[in-house]
Amino acid sequence: MDNTPLVSVYISTHNRSQLLLRALNSVFNQSYKNIEIIVGDDGSTDNTFNEIKPYIDSNRIRYVKNKTPKGACSVRNLAINIAEGEYITGLDDDDEFLPTRIEELVTHFTGSGYSCVTASICERTPAGDISRNFDAGEVSLDNLLHYDVLGNQVLTRTSYLKAIGGFDETMPAFQDYDTWVRLVDKFGNGFKLKNCSYILYSNHGGERISENNTKRIAGYKIFMDKHHNKMNKRHLDSMKLLELRLTNSPYSLLSFIKLTHRGNVFSSLAYFINTNLFWLKNIFYRVRTK
């Protein structure tokens, strides 16, 4: 008999059957075996169902579907509502887990007292893999209100996710960030492991919500309406920086000095360099030629 906690893994999908199969295989191949997989199909019209039917018939996965597309958060919530695991985590259909991800998350979460645990991501690009692990450690609400430290997926108690109402289906973007803020606000600090165990694919020919600026700006506005009352001046400065980035606005030296602080120094410096690269190159050239 398996005495390890059952972990529910929800995967939302829409018309990406081949990518979904890759994501599923990464869960099937986990070193941690006590897993329940729930695929939430957001009204797919391709061959998604036929591709995964053998897994449904053999009870390797559970399957829920919206008849018409309502957004990823809708099918995530359908999956969360039927989840039987003590713990729960998610996977986007265009990404994949490394083999020890769930084992590592469960090990660090069990008995920790944290509201959730996640790990750093590895972004897979045409130029190679990029590890995003500079912000590992304990994550408080104060940290989280500067930017989404936790990223797009965490492991938490299923009861916690249900208690906060799951994902906000009215938001066109920022749904993950909003959910983690509500989770940490209600149940306490989270933790982010330094090692990378989640592969995020940034170039597969399809659209990620995180790349659609119209949706991101609309989501940002809803996020601010919901959470601005939790923020101090420094948090608001970080949100102003985020707004500038979302709208691809200029970032002057004066704005850089005004908005930069310990909570956002890396993102602020990166955006300043990116938006002023030509100007900085000119200064460097003039200094060298004097």
C-alpha atoms as a PDB file:
ATOM      1  CA  MET A   1       0.000   0.000   0.000  1.00  0.00           C
ATOM      2  CA  ASP A   2       1.320   3.447  -0.961  1.00  0.00           C
ATOM      3  CA  ASN A   3       1.447   5.692   2.114  1.00  0.00           C
ATOM      4  CA  THR A   4       2.664   8.756   0.232  1.00  0.00           C
ATOM      5  CA  PRO A   5       0.168  11.608  -0.265  1.00  0.00           C
ATOM      6  CA  LEU A   6      -1.877  11.466  -3.471  1.00  0.00           C
ATOM      7  CA  VAL A   7      -0.941  14.381  -5.733  1.00  0.00           C
ATOM      8  CA  SER A   8      -3.461  15.642  -8.289  1.00  0.00           C
ATOM      9  CA  VAL A   9      -1.949  17.165 -11.436  1.00  0.00           C
ATOM     10  CA  TYR A  10      -4.263  19.279 -13.584  1.00  0.00           C
ATOM     11  CA  ILE A  11      -3.385  20.005 -17.214  1.00  0.00           C
ATOM     12  CA  SER A  12      -5.520  22.467 -19.157  1.00  0.00           C
ATOM     13  CA  THR A  13      -5.474  22.162 -22.939  1.00  0.00           C
ATOM     14  CA  HIS A  14      -7.033  23.558 -26.100  1.00  0.00           C
ATOM     15  CA  ASN A  15      -6.339  22.198 -29.598  1.00  0.00           C
ATOM     16  CA  ARG A  16      -2.742  21.167 -28.874  1.00  0.00           C
ATOM     17  CA  SER A  17      -2.901  17.382 -28.830  1.00  0.00           C
ATOM     18  CA  GLN A  18       0.749  16.718 -29.666  1.00  0.00           C
ATOM     19  CA  LEU A  19       2.021  19.156 -27.068  1.00  0.00           C
ATOM     20  CA  LEU A  20      -0.415  17.655 -24.561  1.00  0.00           C
ATOM     21  CA  LEU A  21       1.020  14.178 -25.151  1.00  0.00           C
ATOM     22  CA  ARG A  22       4.506  15.483 -24.365  1.00  0.00           C
ATOM     23  CA  ALA A  23       3.224  17.078 -21.156  1.00  0.00           C
ATOM     24  CA  LEU A  24       1.404  13.874 -20.165  1.00  0.00           C
ATOM     25  CA  ASN A  25       4.476  11.736 -20.755  1.00  0.00           C
ATOM     26  CA  SER A  26       6.479  13.981 -18.446  1.00  0.00           C
ATOM     27  CA  VAL A  27       3.957  13.265 -15.674  1.00  0.00           C
ATOM     28  CA  PHE A  28       3.797   9.527 -16.430  1.00  0.00           C
ATOM     29  CA  ASN A  29       7.599   9.443 -16.065  1.00  0.00           C
ATOM     30  CA  GLN A  30       7.721  11.025 -12.613  1.00  0.00           C
ATOM     31  CA  SER A  31       9.809   9.306  -9.940  1.00  0.00           C
ATOM     32  CA  TYR A  32       6.902   9.977  -7.557  1.00  0.00           C
ATOM     33  CA  LYS A  33       4.165   7.472  -8.420  1.00  0.00           C
ATOM     34  CA  ASN A  34       1.085   8.301  -6.313  1.00  0.00           C
ATOM     35  CA  ILE A  35      -0.335  10.735  -8.860  1.00  0.00           C
ATOM     36  CA  GLU A  36      -3.799  11.495 -10.204  1.00  0.00           C
ATOM     37  CA  ILE A  37      -3.774  13.245 -13.608  1.00  0.00           C
ATOM     38  CA  ILE A  38      -6.763  15.355 -14.645  1.00  0.00           C
ATOM     39  CA  VAL A  39      -6.867  16.778 -18.170  1.00  0.00           C
ATOM     40  CA  GLY A  40      -9.141  19.790 -18.525  1.00  0.00           C
ATOM     41  CA  ASP A  41     -10.097  20.256 -22.176  1.00  0.00           C
ATOM     42  CA  ASP A  42     -11.263  23.774 -22.987  1.00  0.00           C
ATOM     43  CA  GLY A  43     -13.508  22.981 -25.941  1.00  0.00           C
ATOM     44  CA  SER A  44     -10.904  21.440 -28.252  1.00  0.00           C
ATOM     45  CA  THR A  45     -12.049  20.744 -31.819  1.00  0.00           C
ATOM     46  CA  ASP A  46      -8.943  18.876 -32.966  1.00  0.00           C
ATOM     47  CA  ASN A  47      -8.075  15.229 -32.261  1.00  0.00           C
ATOM     48  CA  THR A  48      -7.269  15.771 -28.582  1.00  0.00           C
ATOM     49  CA  PHE A  49      -9.873  13.333 -27.255  1.00  0.00           C
ATOM     50  CA  ASN A  50      -8.913  10.548 -29.675  1.00  0.00           C
ATOM     51  CA  GLU A  51      -5.229  10.970 -28.838  1.00  0.00           C
ATOM     52  CA  ILE A  52      -5.752  10.589 -25.092  1.00  0.00           C
ATOM     53  CA  LYS A  53      -8.705   8.148 -25.144  1.00  0.00           C
ATOM     54  CA  PRO A  54      -6.467   5.102 -24.508  1.00  0.00           C
ATOM     55  CA  TYR A  55      -5.252   6.765 -21.305  1.00  0.00           C
ATOM     56  CA  ILE A  56      -8.815   7.579 -20.265  1.00  0.00           C
ATOM     57  CA  ASP A  57      -9.984   4.008 -20.949  1.00  0.00           C
ATOM     58  CA  SER A  58      -7.095   2.548 -18.955  1.00  0.00           C
ATOM     59  CA  ASN A  59      -7.779   4.950 -16.050  1.00  0.00           C
ATOM     60  CA  ARG A  60      -4.361   6.550 -16.333  1.00  0.00           C
ATOM     61  CA  ILE A  61      -5.986   9.976 -16.563  1.00  0.00           C
ATOM     62  CA  ARG A  62      -9.308  11.620 -15.738  1.00  0.00           C
ATOM     63  CA  TYR A  63     -10.902  13.916 -18.296  1.00  0.00           C
ATOM     64  CA  VAL A  64     -13.216  16.930 -18.062  1.00  0.00           C
ATOM     65  CA  LYS A  65     -14.258  19.175 -20.923  1.00  0.00           C
ATOM     66  CA  ASN A  66     -15.979  22.459 -21.663  1.00  0.00           C
ATOM     67  CA  LYS A  67     -18.273  22.088 -24.679  1.00  0.00           C
ATOM     68  CA  THR A  68     -17.177  25.554 -25.814  1.00  0.00           C
ATOM     69  CA  PRO A  69     -13.961  27.395 -24.900  1.00  0.00           C
ATOM     70  CA  LYS A  70     -14.200  29.374 -21.664  1.00  0.00           C
ATOM     71  CA  GLY A  71     -10.519  29.828 -20.887  1.00  0.00           C
ATOM     72  CA  ALA A  72      -7.842  27.802 -19.132  1.00  0.00           C
ATOM     73  CA  CYS A  73      -8.975  28.917 -15.679  1.00  0.00           C
ATOM     74  CA  SER A  74     -12.419  27.441 -16.257  1.00  0.00           C
ATOM     75  CA  VAL A  75     -11.129  23.924 -16.930  1.00  0.00           C
ATOM     76  CA  ARG A  76      -8.501  24.267 -14.210  1.00  0.00           C
ATOM     77  CA  ASN A  77     -11.332  24.913 -11.778  1.00  0.00           C
ATOM     78  CA  LEU A  78     -13.304  21.942 -13.124  1.00  0.00           C
ATOM     79  CA  ALA A  79     -10.267  19.779 -12.434  1.00  0.00           C
ATOM     80  CA  ILE A  80      -9.669  21.270  -8.987  1.00  0.00           C
ATOM     81  CA  ASN A  81     -13.276  20.637  -7.987  1.00  0.00           C
ATOM     82  CA  ILE A  82     -13.038  16.899  -8.712  1.00  0.00           C
ATOM     83  CA  ALA A  83      -9.445  16.438  -7.521  1.00  0.00           C
ATOM     84  CA  GLU A  84      -9.030  13.717  -4.906  1.00  0.00           C
ATOM     85  CA  GLY A  85      -5.386  14.352  -4.037  1.00  0.00           C
ATOM     86  CA  GLU A  86      -4.284  15.730  -0.688  1.00  0.00           C
ATOM     87  CA  TYR A  87      -1.862  17.879  -2.666  1.00  0.00           C
ATOM     88  CA  ILE A  88      -2.337  19.477  -6.068  1.00  0.00           C
ATOM     89  CA  THR A  89      -0.198  21.081  -8.741  1.00  0.00           C
ATOM     90  CA  GLY A  90      -0.549  22.045 -12.385  1.00  0.00           C
ATOM     91  CA  LEU A  91       1.189  21.808 -15.732  1.00  0.00           C
ATOM     92  CA  ASP A  92       0.562  23.825 -18.888  1.00  0.00           C
ATOM     93  CA  ASP A  93      -0.010  21.638 -21.943  1.00  0.00           C
ATOM     94  CA  ASP A  94       2.914  23.240 -23.790  1.00  0.00           C
ATOM     95  CA  ASP A  95       5.440  22.626 -21.005  1.00  0.00           C
ATOM     96  CA  GLU A  96       6.796  19.591 -19.173  1.00  0.00           C
ATOM     97  CA  PHE A  97       8.061  18.361 -15.805  1.00  0.00           C
ATOM     98  CA  LEU A  98      11.536  17.013 -15.210  1.00  0.00           C
ATOM     99  CA  PRO A  99      11.323  13.469 -13.759  1.00  0.00           C
ATOM    100  CA  THR A 100      11.908  14.308 -10.086  1.00  0.00           C
ATOM    101  CA  ARG A 101       9.785  17.474  -9.878  1.00  0.00           C
ATOM    102  CA  ILE A 102       6.820  16.148  -7.918  1.00  0.00           C
ATOM    103  CA  GLU A 103       9.012  14.080  -5.587  1.00  0.00           C
ATOM    104  CA  GLU A 104      11.106  17.148  -4.763  1.00  0.00           C
ATOM    105  CA  LEU A 105       8.081  19.397  -4.237  1.00  0.00           C
ATOM    106  CA  VAL A 106       6.314  16.869  -1.987  1.00  0.00           C
ATOM    107  CA  THR A 107       9.480  16.288   0.051  1.00  0.00           C
ATOM    108  CA  HIS A 108       9.964  19.992   0.712  1.00  0.00           C
ATOM    109  CA  PHE A 109       6.268  20.730   1.255  1.00  0.00           C
ATOM    110  CA  THR A 110       5.324  17.933   3.659  1.00  0.00           C
ATOM    111  CA  GLY A 111       5.543  19.161   7.238  1.00  0.00           C
ATOM    112  CA  SER A 112       7.075  22.485   6.189  1.00  0.00           C
ATOM    113  CA  GLY A 113       4.245  24.756   7.272  1.00  0.00           C
ATOM    114  CA  TYR A 114       4.414  26.629   3.968  1.00  0.00           C
ATOM    115  CA  SER A 115       1.256  27.439   2.031  1.00  0.00           C
ATOM    116  CA  CYS A 116       2.858  26.210  -1.190  1.00  0.00           C
ATOM    117  CA  VAL A 117       6.141  25.130  -2.718  1.00  0.00           C
ATOM    118  CA  THR A 118       7.466  25.574  -6.226  1.00  0.00           C
ATOM    119  CA  ALA A 119      10.799  25.323  -8.016  1.00  0.00           C
ATOM    120  CA  SER A 120      12.699  27.419 -10.506  1.00  0.00           C
ATOM    121  CA  ILE A 121      12.002  27.068 -14.215  1.00  0.00           C
ATOM    122  CA  CYS A 122      14.211  26.288 -17.154  1.00  0.00           C
ATOM    123  CA  GLU A 123      13.163  28.240 -20.229  1.00  0.00           C
ATOM    124  CA  ARG A 124      13.798  26.244 -23.389  1.00  0.00           C
ATOM    125  CA  THR A 125      14.572  28.549 -26.316  1.00  0.00           C
ATOM    126  CA  PRO A 126      16.013  28.043 -29.818  1.00  0.00           C
ATOM    127  CA  ALA A 127      19.288  29.448 -28.476  1.00  0.00           C
ATOM    128  CA  GLY A 128      19.419  26.965 -25.592  1.00  0.00           C
ATOM    129  CA  ASP A 129      18.127  26.492 -22.055  1.00  0.00           C
ATOM    130  CA  ILE A 130      18.030  29.400 -19.596  1.00  0.00           C
ATOM    131  CA  SER A 131      17.742  28.683 -15.862  1.00  0.00           C
ATOM    132  CA  ARG A 132      15.615  31.198 -13.957  1.00  0.00           C
ATOM    133  CA  ASN A 133      16.735  30.515 -10.393  1.00  0.00           C
ATOM    134  CA  PHE A 134      17.970  33.840  -9.012  1.00  0.00           C
ATOM    135  CA  ASP A 135      15.014  34.389  -6.650  1.00  0.00           C
ATOM    136  CA  ALA A 136      14.822  31.089  -4.753  1.00  0.00           C
ATOM    137  CA  GLY A 137      13.964  30.989  -1.053  1.00  0.00           C
ATOM    138  CA  GLU A 138      11.072  31.827   1.235  1.00  0.00           C
ATOM    139  CA  VAL A 139       8.324  33.869  -0.420  1.00  0.00           C
ATOM    140  CA  SER A 140       6.299  36.230   1.750  1.00  0.00           C
ATOM    141  CA  LEU A 141       3.344  38.345   0.696  1.00  0.00           C
ATOM    142  CA  ASP A 142       5.706  41.323   0.800  1.00  0.00           C
ATOM    143  CA  ASN A 143       8.017  39.635  -1.744  1.00  0.00           C
ATOM    144  CA  LEU A 144       5.123  38.523  -3.908  1.00  0.00           C
ATOM    145  CA  LEU A 145       3.578  41.977  -4.227  1.00  0.00           C
ATOM    146  CA  HIS A 146       6.664  43.192  -6.096  1.00  0.00           C
ATOM    147  CA  TYR A 147       6.372  40.579  -8.860  1.00  0.00           C
ATOM    148  CA  ASP A 148       5.275  36.972  -9.371  1.00  0.00           C
ATOM    149  CA  VAL A 149       8.157  35.272  -7.589  1.00  0.00           C
ATOM    150  CA  LEU A 150       6.368  31.902  -7.539  1.00  0.00           C
ATOM    151  CA  GLY A 151       5.823  31.658 -11.299  1.00  0.00           C
ATOM    152  CA  ASN A 152       3.104  29.776 -13.128  1.00  0.00           C
ATOM    153  CA  GLN A 153       2.696  26.561 -11.066  1.00  0.00           C
ATOM    154  CA  VAL A 154       2.962  25.628  -7.376  1.00  0.00           C
ATOM    155  CA  LEU A 155       2.252  22.562  -5.254  1.00  0.00           C
ATOM    156  CA  THR A 156      -0.187  23.184  -2.425  1.00  0.00           C
ATOM    157  CA  ARG A 157      -2.951  21.472  -0.473  1.00  0.00           C
ATOM    158  CA  THR A 158      -6.034  20.853  -2.583  1.00  0.00           C
ATOM    159  CA  SER A 159      -8.124  22.148   0.319  1.00  0.00           C
ATOM    160  CA  TYR A 160      -6.198  25.445   0.241  1.00  0.00           C
ATOM    161  CA  LEU A 161      -6.831  25.977  -3.458  1.00  0.00           C
ATOM    162  CA  LYS A 162     -10.512  25.174  -3.020  1.00  0.00           C
ATOM    163  CA  ALA A 163     -10.755  27.467   0.014  1.00  0.00           C
ATOM    164  CA  ILE A 164      -9.653  30.516  -2.008  1.00  0.00           C
ATOM    165  CA  GLY A 165     -12.049  29.694  -4.845  1.00  0.00           C
ATOM    166  CA  GLY A 166      -9.482  28.417  -7.338  1.00  0.00           C
ATOM    167  CA  PHE A 167      -8.550  30.607 -10.293  1.00  0.00           C
ATOM    168  CA  ASP A 168     -10.421  33.805 -11.185  1.00  0.00           C
ATOM    169  CA  GLU A 169     -12.139  33.032 -14.487  1.00  0.00           C
ATOM    170  CA  THR A 170     -12.836  36.725 -15.188  1.00  0.00           C
ATOM    171  CA  MET A 171      -9.144  37.524 -15.636  1.00  0.00           C
ATOM    172  CA  PRO A 172      -7.702  37.364 -19.195  1.00  0.00           C
ATOM    173  CA  ALA A 173      -4.152  37.209 -17.775  1.00  0.00           C
ATOM    174  CA  PHE A 174      -2.332  37.413 -14.398  1.00  0.00           C
ATOM    175  CA  GLN A 175      -4.513  34.509 -13.195  1.00  0.00           C
ATOM    176  CA  ASP A 176      -1.592  32.606 -11.663  1.00  0.00           C
ATOM    177  CA  TYR A 177      -0.171  35.690  -9.968  1.00  0.00           C
ATOM    178  CA  ASP A 178      -3.591  36.614  -8.560  1.00  0.00           C
ATOM    179  CA  THR A 179      -4.115  33.076  -7.236  1.00  0.00           C
ATOM    180  CA  TRP A 180      -0.739  32.903  -5.493  1.00  0.00           C
ATOM    181  CA  VAL A 181      -1.286  36.304  -3.859  1.00  0.00           C
ATOM    182  CA  ARG A 182      -4.622  35.098  -2.470  1.00  0.00           C
ATOM    183  CA  LEU A 183      -3.060  31.784  -1.393  1.00  0.00           C
ATOM    184  CA  VAL A 184      -0.105  33.334   0.443  1.00  0.00           C
ATOM    185  CA  ASP A 185      -2.308  36.060   1.926  1.00  0.00           C
ATOM    186  CA  LYS A 186      -4.646  33.459   3.448  1.00  0.00           C
ATOM    187  CA  PHE A 187      -2.332  30.576   4.357  1.00  0.00           C
ATOM    188  CA  GLY A 188       1.124  32.103   4.843  1.00  0.00           C
ATOM    189  CA  ASN A 189       4.518  32.125   3.173  1.00  0.00           C
ATOM    190  CA  GLY A 190       5.494  29.880   0.285  1.00  0.00           C
ATOM    191  CA  PHE A 191       8.896  28.566  -0.732  1.00  0.00           C
ATOM    192  CA  LYS A 192      10.764  28.395  -4.053  1.00  0.00           C
ATOM    193  CA  LEU A 193      13.449  25.775  -4.622  1.00  0.00           C
ATOM    194  CA  LYS A 194      16.558  26.833  -6.513  1.00  0.00           C
ATOM    195  CA  ASN A 195      16.859  23.729  -8.672  1.00  0.00           C
ATOM    196  CA  CYS A 196      14.971  23.840 -11.975  1.00  0.00           C
ATOM    197  CA  SER A 197      12.362  21.117 -12.474  1.00  0.00           C
ATOM    198  CA  TYR A 198       9.852  22.754 -14.839  1.00  0.00           C
ATOM    199  CA  ILE A 199      10.597  23.164 -18.557  1.00  0.00           C
ATOM    200  CA  LEU A 200       8.885  26.197 -20.066  1.00  0.00           C
ATOM    201  CA  TYR A 201       8.846  26.260 -23.858  1.00  0.00           C
ATOM    202  CA  SER A 202       8.912  29.823 -25.163  1.00  0.00           C
ATOM    203  CA  ASN A 203       8.911  29.005 -28.876  1.00  0.00           C
ATOM    204  CA  HIS A 204       6.533  26.283 -30.074  1.00  0.00           C
ATOM    205  CA  GLY A 205       4.593  28.223 -32.720  1.00  0.00           C
ATOM    206  CA  GLY A 206       1.517  28.839 -30.580  1.00  0.00           C
ATOM    207  CA  GLU A 207       0.495  31.722 -28.370  1.00  0.00           C
ATOM    208  CA  ARG A 208       1.120  31.844 -24.641  1.00  0.00           C
ATOM    209  CA  ILE A 209      -1.171  34.129 -22.655  1.00  0.00           C
ATOM    210  CA  SER A 210       1.990  35.621 -21.156  1.00  0.00           C
ATOM    211  CA  GLU A 211       2.951  36.856 -24.640  1.00  0.00           C
ATOM    212  CA  ASN A 212      -0.358  38.600 -25.475  1.00  0.00           C
ATOM    213  CA  ASN A 213       0.097  42.197 -24.341  1.00  0.00           C
ATOM    214  CA  THR A 214      -3.548  43.208 -24.768  1.00  0.00           C
ATOM    215  CA  LYS A 215      -4.619  40.420 -22.416  1.00  0.00           C
ATOM    216  CA  ARG A 216      -1.738  41.123 -20.046  1.00  0.00           C
ATOM    217  CA  ILE A 217      -2.614  44.811 -19.723  1.00  0.00           C
ATOM    218  CA  ALA A 218      -6.279  43.986 -19.094  1.00  0.00           C
ATOM    219  CA  GLY A 219      -5.269  41.343 -16.545  1.00  0.00           C
ATOM    220  CA  TYR A 220      -2.894  43.763 -14.845  1.00  0.00           C
ATOM    221  CA  LYS A 221      -5.692  46.306 -14.365  1.00  0.00           C
ATOM    222  CA  ILE A 222      -7.962  43.708 -12.753  1.00  0.00           C
ATOM    223  CA  PHE A 223      -5.071  42.503 -10.586  1.00  0.00           C
ATOM    224  CA  MET A 224      -4.443  46.038  -9.339  1.00  0.00           C
ATOM    225  CA  ASP A 225      -8.135  46.595  -8.625  1.00  0.00           C
ATOM    226  CA  LYS A 226      -8.137  43.450  -6.483  1.00  0.00           C
ATOM    227  CA  HIS A 227      -4.852  43.860  -4.619  1.00  0.00           C
ATOM    228  CA  HIS A 228      -3.748  47.522  -4.530  1.00  0.00           C
ATOM    229  CA  ASN A 229      -5.087  47.852  -0.981  1.00  0.00           C
ATOM    230  CA  LYS A 230      -2.490  45.299   0.179  1.00  0.00           C
ATOM    231  CA  MET A 231       0.390  47.326  -1.273  1.00  0.00           C
ATOM    232  CA  ASN A 232       2.712  49.914   0.227  1.00  0.00           C
ATOM    233  CA  LYS A 233       4.559  52.592  -1.748  1.00  0.00           C
ATOM    234  CA  ARG A 234       7.390  50.268  -2.746  1.00  0.00           C
ATOM    235  CA  HIS A 235       4.952  47.657  -4.030  1.00  0.00           C
ATOM    236  CA  LEU A 236       3.173  50.348  -6.037  1.00  0.00           C
ATOM    237  CA  ASP A 237       6.520  51.443  -7.500  1.00  0.00           C
ATOM    238  CA  SER A 238       7.137  47.842  -8.585  1.00  0.00           C
ATOM    239  CA  MET A 239       3.686  47.711 -10.155  1.00  0.00           C
ATOM    240  CA  LYS A 240       4.390  50.978 -11.987  1.00  0.00           C
ATOM    241  CA  LEU A 241       7.550  49.402 -13.376  1.00  0.00           C
ATOM    242  CA  LEU A 242       5.511  46.381 -14.465  1.00  0.00           C
ATOM    243  CA  GLU A 243       3.003  48.669 -16.182  1.00  0.00           C
ATOM    244  CA  LEU A 244       5.825  50.402 -18.078  1.00  0.00           C
ATOM    245  CA  ARG A 245       7.099  47.030 -19.248  1.00  0.00           C
ATOM    246  CA  LEU A 246       3.644  45.844 -20.318  1.00  0.00           C
ATOM    247  CA  THR A 247       3.079  48.988 -22.375  1.00  0.00           C
ATOM    248  CA  ASN A 248       6.650  49.058 -23.753  1.00  0.00           C
ATOM    249  CA  SER A 249       7.044  52.589 -22.399  1.00  0.00           C
ATOM    250  CA  PRO A 250      10.326  54.539 -22.225  1.00  0.00           C
ATOM    251  CA  TYR A 251      12.250  54.189 -18.967  1.00  0.00           C
ATOM    252  CA  SER A 252      14.336  57.261 -18.242  1.00  0.00           C
ATOM    253  CA  LEU A 253      17.234  57.497 -15.812  1.00  0.00           C
ATOM    254  CA  LEU A 254      15.044  59.648 -13.552  1.00  0.00           C
ATOM    255  CA  SER A 255      12.297  57.002 -13.545  1.00  0.00           C
ATOM    256  CA  PHE A 256      14.889  54.299 -12.913  1.00  0.00           C
ATOM    257  CA  ILE A 257      16.206  56.161  -9.853  1.00  0.00           C
ATOM    258  CA  LYS A 258      12.683  56.890  -8.618  1.00  0.00           C
ATOM    259  CA  LEU A 259      11.222  53.378  -8.974  1.00  0.00           C
ATOM    260  CA  THR A 260      14.166  51.083  -8.226  1.00  0.00           C
ATOM    261  CA  HIS A 261      14.570  49.493  -4.806  1.00  0.00           C
ATOM    262  CA  ARG A 262      15.592  46.173  -3.272  1.00  0.00           C
ATOM    263  CA  GLY A 263      12.324  44.451  -4.181  1.00  0.00           C
ATOM    264  CA  ASN A 264      12.641  45.053  -7.932  1.00  0.00           C
ATOM    265  CA  VAL A 265      16.285  45.878  -8.588  1.00  0.00           C
ATOM    266  CA  PHE A 266      16.941  43.048 -11.066  1.00  0.00           C
ATOM    267  CA  SER A 267      13.846  43.615 -13.204  1.00  0.00           C
ATOM    268  CA  SER A 268      14.290  47.399 -13.048  1.00  0.00           C
ATOM    269  CA  LEU A 269      17.932  47.251 -14.135  1.00  0.00           C
ATOM    270  CA  ALA A 270      17.147  44.779 -16.921  1.00  0.00           C
ATOM    271  CA  TYR A 271      14.358  46.970 -18.289  1.00  0.00           C
ATOM    272  CA  PHE A 272      16.473  50.129 -18.044  1.00  0.00           C
ATOM    273  CA  ILE A 273      19.300  48.522 -20.012  1.00  0.00           C
ATOM    274  CA  ASN A 274      16.900  47.067 -22.571  1.00  0.00           C
ATOM    275  CA  THR A 275      15.091  50.358 -23.237  1.00  0.00           C
ATOM    276  CA  ASN A 276      18.226  52.520 -23.216  1.00  0.00           C
ATOM    277  CA  LEU A 277      20.740  50.237 -24.877  1.00  0.00           C
ATOM    278  CA  PHE A 278      21.366  52.544 -27.852  1.00  0.00           C
ATOM    279  CA  TRP A 279      21.841  55.561 -25.578  1.00  0.00           C
ATOM    280  CA  LEU A 280      24.147  53.622 -23.241  1.00  0.00           C
ATOM    281  CA  LYS A 281      26.226  52.381 -26.180  1.00  0.00           C
ATOM    282  CA  ASN A 282      26.666  55.971 -27.399  1.00  0.00           C
ATOM    283  CA  ILE A 283      27.870  57.126 -23.988  1.00  0.00           C
ATOM    284  CA  PHE A 284      30.283  54.199 -23.775  1.00  0.00           C
ATOM    285  CA  TYR A 285      31.600  54.963 -27.269  1.00  0.00           C
ATOM    286  CA  ARG A 286      32.145  58.661 -26.464  1.00  0.00           C
ATOM    287  CA  VAL A 287      33.986  57.816 -23.247  1.00  0.00           C
ATOM    288  CA  ARG A 288      36.257  55.382 -25.077  1.00  0.00           C
ATOM    289  CA  THR A 289      37.074  57.844 -27.892  1.00  0.00           C
ATOM    290  CA  LYS A 290      37.971  60.769 -25.638  1.00  0.00           C
END
